[in-house]
Amino acid sequence: MPNRDDAWELLCEYTKGDSLRKHGLAVEAAMRAAAKRYGAADADVDEWGLVGLLHDFDYEMFPTPDQHPFTGANILCGRGYSERMIRAIMGHATYTGVPRDTDLARALFATDELCGFLVACALVRPNKSLDDLEVSSVKKKLKDKAFARSVNRDDIRLGVEELGVPLEDHIRFVIDALRPVQKEIGLNSIQTSIGTS
């Protein structure tokens, strides 16, 4: 199976835009955390991460619903990615009709839109950071249809419902998963390391 370097190379081959690459990195971080949370074997953490990194790799070149993620799935198949990974990626787009029948697929669907929304929430804060972002603030912004319009709120709600977790818990979990990669995804980290000089 391709490794993380292979996946990053594939993402960069098809995605030239910085924001979509950063979105892939954010979803990768959330998926690695989700693998641990939802009981995936240690060996599967990388698989979950790669699914997060690559779920939208074809979107920039093939953005229409008749292309994405179908084109990407064909490319992934040709590059040696597993059927399980490809099905999870196909399932993140509700219009494909591919059921989200694994924890991997359900976690991807539940984290994808939320990652984008949380980054948007952080970017409008004065510190441009997730460090002090509160769940209550995120929930309030979810109700504001004018904020981050492109984020599908129905997908976020359906995602947590399919995972069987409360919305508040999932928001907190994804915020915590993204904090360590804030610089890589275009945010600031205002936390300082204790005991370092």
Protein backbone atom coordinates (compact mmCIF):
# COMPACT_ATOMS: atom_id res chain seq x y z
CA MET A 1 0.00 0.00 0.00
CA PRO A 2 1.24 3.53 -0.72
CA ASN A 3 2.73 5.38 2.27
CA ARG A 4 2.23 8.91 3.58
CA ASP A 5 4.88 10.39 1.25
CA ASP A 6 3.17 8.78 -1.74
CA ALA A 7 -0.19 10.19 -0.62
CA TRP A 8 1.22 13.69 -0.16
CA GLU A 9 2.81 13.52 -3.62
CA LEU A 10 -0.53 12.45 -5.10
CA LEU A 11 -2.36 15.28 -3.33
CA CYS A 12 0.15 17.82 -4.63
CA GLU A 13 0.01 16.38 -8.15
CA TYR A 14 -3.72 17.03 -8.42
CA THR A 15 -4.15 19.91 -5.97
CA LYS A 16 -2.14 23.07 -6.62
CA GLY A 17 -4.15 25.34 -4.31
CA ASP A 18 -2.86 25.91 -0.81
CA SER A 19 -6.28 26.00 0.89
CA LEU A 20 -7.38 22.56 -0.36
CA ARG A 21 -4.00 21.07 0.60
CA LYS A 22 -4.41 22.54 4.09
CA HIS A 23 -7.92 21.11 4.26
CA GLY A 24 -6.48 17.68 3.48
CA LEU A 25 -3.94 18.10 6.28
CA ALA A 26 -6.68 19.13 8.72
CA VAL A 27 -8.89 16.17 7.89
CA GLU A 28 -5.84 13.88 8.07
CA ALA A 29 -5.14 15.05 11.64
CA ALA A 30 -8.79 14.61 12.64
CA MET A 31 -8.88 11.14 11.10
CA ARG A 32 -5.70 9.99 12.84
CA ALA A 33 -7.27 11.05 16.13
CA ALA A 34 -10.56 9.40 15.17
CA ALA A 35 -8.79 6.11 14.43
CA LYS A 36 -7.60 6.01 18.03
CA ARG A 37 -10.92 7.16 19.43
CA TYR A 38 -13.01 4.63 17.53
CA GLY A 39 -10.81 1.64 18.28
CA ALA A 40 -8.93 1.14 15.02
CA ALA A 41 -5.88 -1.07 15.29
CA ASP A 42 -2.58 0.79 15.55
CA ALA A 43 -1.71 -0.30 12.03
CA ASP A 44 -4.89 1.36 10.75
CA VAL A 45 -4.09 4.85 12.06
CA ASP A 46 -2.04 5.58 8.94
CA GLU A 47 -4.82 4.25 6.72
CA TRP A 48 -7.35 6.54 8.40
CA GLY A 49 -4.95 9.47 8.07
CA LEU A 50 -4.40 8.84 4.36
CA VAL A 51 -8.14 8.70 3.77
CA GLY A 52 -8.44 12.13 5.39
CA LEU A 53 -5.51 13.54 3.43
CA LEU A 54 -6.75 12.26 0.07
CA HIS A 55 -10.55 12.54 0.31
CA ASP A 56 -10.66 15.70 -1.87
CA PHE A 57 -7.41 15.30 -3.84
CA ASP A 58 -9.29 15.25 -7.17
CA TYR A 59 -11.67 18.12 -6.36
CA GLU A 60 -9.62 20.99 -7.79
CA MET A 61 -9.29 19.34 -11.23
CA PHE A 62 -12.60 17.47 -11.21
CA PRO A 63 -15.04 19.54 -9.11
CA THR A 64 -18.43 18.59 -10.51
CA PRO A 65 -20.65 15.96 -8.87
CA ASP A 66 -20.32 13.70 -11.91
CA GLN A 67 -16.50 13.83 -11.51
CA HIS A 68 -15.66 14.11 -7.78
CA PRO A 69 -14.98 11.72 -6.07
CA PHE A 70 -15.50 9.23 -8.91
CA THR A 71 -12.40 10.31 -10.85
CA GLY A 72 -10.34 10.24 -7.68
CA ALA A 73 -11.55 6.75 -6.82
CA ASN A 74 -10.37 5.46 -10.20
CA ILE A 75 -6.98 7.11 -9.73
CA LEU A 76 -6.64 5.67 -6.21
CA CYS A 77 -7.53 2.21 -7.49
CA GLY A 78 -4.78 2.48 -10.09
CA ARG A 79 -2.27 3.59 -7.45
CA GLY A 80 -2.81 0.63 -5.13
CA TYR A 81 -5.09 2.08 -2.46
CA SER A 82 -7.39 -0.40 -0.75
CA GLU A 83 -11.05 -0.89 -1.59
CA ARG A 84 -11.90 0.01 2.02
CA MET A 85 -10.17 3.39 1.69
CA ILE A 86 -11.76 4.11 -1.68
CA ARG A 87 -15.24 3.24 -0.39
CA ALA A 88 -14.79 5.58 2.58
CA ILE A 89 -13.76 8.39 0.24
CA MET A 90 -16.68 7.68 -2.08
CA GLY A 91 -19.06 7.69 0.90
CA HIS A 92 -18.06 11.21 2.00
CA ALA A 93 -20.10 12.56 -0.91
CA THR A 94 -23.73 11.75 -0.16
CA TYR A 95 -24.73 11.85 -3.84
CA THR A 96 -22.55 8.82 -4.71
CA GLY A 97 -24.96 6.47 -2.98
CA VAL A 98 -22.03 4.58 -1.42
CA PRO A 99 -23.07 3.66 2.13
CA ARG A 100 -20.94 4.71 5.06
CA ASP A 101 -20.90 1.24 6.58
CA THR A 102 -17.57 1.34 8.42
CA ASP A 103 -16.25 3.48 11.26
CA LEU A 104 -13.63 4.75 8.81
CA ALA A 105 -16.28 6.02 6.39
CA ARG A 106 -18.50 7.46 9.12
CA ALA A 107 -15.56 9.27 10.73
CA LEU A 108 -14.48 10.82 7.42
CA PHE A 109 -17.99 12.07 6.74
CA ALA A 110 -18.32 13.46 10.27
CA THR A 111 -14.96 15.28 10.25
CA ASP A 112 -14.72 16.63 6.70
CA GLU A 113 -17.15 19.55 6.79
CA LEU A 114 -16.51 20.22 10.47
CA CYS A 115 -12.78 20.66 9.87
CA GLY A 116 -13.48 23.30 7.26
CA PHE A 117 -15.95 25.02 9.55
CA LEU A 118 -13.57 25.05 12.53
CA VAL A 119 -10.79 26.57 10.44
CA ALA A 120 -13.23 29.26 9.27
CA CYS A 121 -14.18 29.92 12.91
CA ALA A 122 -10.53 30.29 13.88
CA LEU A 123 -9.69 32.58 10.97
CA VAL A 124 -12.24 35.22 12.02
CA ARG A 125 -10.87 35.34 15.57
CA PRO A 126 -8.32 38.08 16.40
CA ASN A 127 -5.67 35.45 17.24
CA LYS A 128 -6.52 33.21 14.25
CA SER A 129 -6.19 30.18 16.52
CA LEU A 130 -8.16 27.20 17.79
CA ASP A 131 -6.48 27.39 21.19
CA ASP A 132 -9.26 29.32 22.92
CA LEU A 133 -12.13 28.46 20.56
CA GLU A 134 -15.13 27.36 22.59
CA VAL A 135 -17.69 24.77 21.53
CA SER A 136 -20.50 27.22 22.34
CA SER A 137 -19.02 29.74 19.89
CA VAL A 138 -18.86 27.08 17.15
CA LYS A 139 -22.47 26.06 17.76
CA LYS A 140 -23.56 29.69 17.57
CA LYS A 141 -21.77 30.14 14.24
CA LEU A 142 -23.32 26.92 12.91
CA LYS A 143 -26.72 28.63 13.29
CA ASP A 144 -25.54 31.68 11.33
CA LYS A 145 -26.26 30.67 7.72
CA ALA A 146 -24.30 33.65 6.38
CA PHE A 147 -21.08 32.47 8.04
CA ALA A 148 -18.96 29.98 6.04
CA ARG A 149 -21.82 29.49 3.59
CA SER A 150 -20.14 26.71 1.66
CA VAL A 151 -20.07 24.41 4.71
CA ASN A 152 -22.93 21.94 4.61
CA ARG A 153 -24.50 22.04 8.09
CA ASP A 154 -26.76 19.09 7.26
CA ASP A 155 -23.70 16.94 6.57
CA ILE A 156 -22.23 17.93 9.94
CA ARG A 157 -25.45 17.00 11.75
CA LEU A 158 -25.86 13.76 9.82
CA GLY A 159 -22.21 12.89 10.42
CA VAL A 160 -22.45 13.08 14.20
CA GLU A 161 -25.76 11.23 14.10
CA GLU A 162 -24.18 8.38 12.10
CA LEU A 163 -21.22 8.28 14.50
CA GLY A 164 -23.62 8.20 17.43
CA VAL A 165 -21.96 11.02 19.35
CA PRO A 166 -23.30 14.34 20.65
CA LEU A 167 -22.49 17.34 18.46
CA GLU A 168 -20.78 19.15 21.34
CA ASP A 169 -18.47 16.21 22.03
CA HIS A 170 -17.54 15.86 18.38
CA ILE A 171 -16.78 19.57 18.00
CA ARG A 172 -14.53 19.46 21.07
CA PHE A 173 -12.82 16.28 19.82
CA VAL A 174 -12.06 17.76 16.38
CA ILE A 175 -10.83 21.07 17.85
CA ASP A 176 -8.44 19.09 20.06
CA ALA A 177 -7.31 16.97 17.10
CA LEU A 178 -6.51 20.05 14.99
CA ARG A 179 -4.63 22.05 17.61
CA PRO A 180 -1.28 20.23 17.13
CA VAL A 181 -1.30 20.98 13.37
CA GLN A 182 -2.46 24.59 13.46
CA LYS A 183 0.63 25.99 11.73
CA GLU A 184 0.41 23.42 8.92
CA ILE A 185 -3.25 24.30 8.27
CA GLY A 186 -2.71 28.07 8.25
CA LEU A 187 -3.62 28.98 11.82
CA ASN A 188 -1.68 30.36 14.78
CA SER A 189 -0.96 28.57 18.00
CA ILE A 190 -1.08 30.83 21.04
CA GLN A 191 -0.24 28.05 23.50
CA THR A 192 3.30 28.15 24.79
CA SER A 193 5.25 25.13 25.87
CA ILE A 194 5.76 25.00 29.63
CA GLY A 195 9.30 24.36 30.77
CA THR A 196 11.03 25.14 27.49
CA SER A 197 13.28 28.05 26.85
